[in-house]
Amino acid sequence: MRRSLVLTDEQARHPFLASLAPHVRRGGEALVAAHAVPKPRWQQDLKEFLMAYCACFIAVSLYIA
C-alpha cells in the first residue's frame, strides 16, 4: 500500500516511520514530559516501598492461607 498524502522523512530510517507525520512520530510522551513537574525523590521512594510491602504481604498471606 502506498501513502502518497504524507511526505516521507529520510531521517526516520524505516519505511513505516518515514510515512508518519513528524508530530505523530514524536509521540505523546514528549508533550506530557515537557509539562510534567517531577515528584520529589522521597515520594518516589515511599511509593516504591509501599508497592514492595504490599506485594510481599500478599505473597506471604497467600502462602499461609
Protein backbone atom coordinates (compact mmCIF):
# COMPACT_ATOMS: atom_id res chain seq x y z
CA MET A 1 0.00 0.00 0.00
CA ARG A 2 1.35 3.40 -0.92
CA ARG A 3 0.72 6.52 1.12
CA SER A 4 1.14 9.47 -1.13
CA LEU A 5 -0.60 12.07 1.04
CA VAL A 6 2.14 12.14 3.68
CA LEU A 7 5.61 13.38 2.84
CA THR A 8 8.39 10.98 3.68
CA ASP A 9 11.21 11.69 6.08
CA GLU A 10 14.60 10.16 5.29
CA GLN A 11 15.80 10.53 8.88
CA ALA A 12 13.14 8.10 10.15
CA ARG A 13 15.20 5.13 8.79
CA HIS A 14 12.15 2.88 8.44
CA PRO A 15 9.51 2.96 5.69
CA PHE A 16 6.58 2.98 8.12
CA LEU A 17 8.10 5.68 10.34
CA ALA A 18 9.01 7.72 7.27
CA SER A 19 5.37 7.76 6.21
CA LEU A 20 4.18 9.21 9.52
CA ALA A 21 3.82 12.91 10.18
CA PRO A 22 6.52 14.44 12.43
CA HIS A 23 4.11 15.24 15.28
CA VAL A 24 2.93 11.61 15.32
CA ARG A 25 6.48 10.23 15.27
CA ARG A 26 7.41 12.25 18.36
CA GLY A 27 4.62 10.65 20.37
CA GLY A 28 2.50 11.89 23.24
CA GLU A 29 5.10 11.25 25.92
CA ALA A 30 7.23 14.11 24.70
CA LEU A 31 4.40 16.56 25.21
CA VAL A 32 3.48 15.18 28.62
CA ALA A 33 7.09 15.04 29.81
CA ALA A 34 7.69 18.64 28.77
CA HIS A 35 4.88 19.91 31.02
CA ALA A 36 5.17 17.42 33.88
CA VAL A 37 6.58 18.52 37.21
CA PRO A 38 8.89 15.85 38.64
CA LYS A 39 7.94 14.41 42.02
CA PRO A 40 10.34 14.80 44.92
CA ARG A 41 12.61 11.81 45.45
CA TRP A 42 11.11 10.89 48.84
CA GLN A 43 7.65 10.48 47.28
CA GLN A 44 9.05 8.09 44.69
CA ASP A 45 10.89 6.15 47.41
CA LEU A 46 7.72 5.94 49.52
CA LYS A 47 5.69 4.73 46.55
CA GLU A 48 8.24 2.01 45.72
CA PHE A 49 8.45 0.91 49.36
CA LEU A 50 4.67 0.63 49.68
CA MET A 51 4.41 -1.33 46.43
CA ALA A 52 7.08 -3.78 47.60
CA TYR A 53 5.49 -4.06 51.05
CA CYS A 54 2.05 -4.78 49.62
CA ALA A 55 3.43 -7.33 47.16
CA CYS A 56 5.30 -9.17 49.93
CA PHE A 57 2.29 -9.00 52.25
CA ILE A 58 0.03 -10.53 49.60
CA ALA A 59 2.58 -13.23 48.75
CA VAL A 60 3.01 -14.22 52.41
CA SER A 61 -0.75 -14.12 53.01
CA LEU A 62 -1.37 -16.42 50.07
CA TYR A 63 1.38 -18.80 51.22
CA ILE A 64 -0.01 -19.01 54.78
CA ALA A 65 -3.68 -19.36 53.76
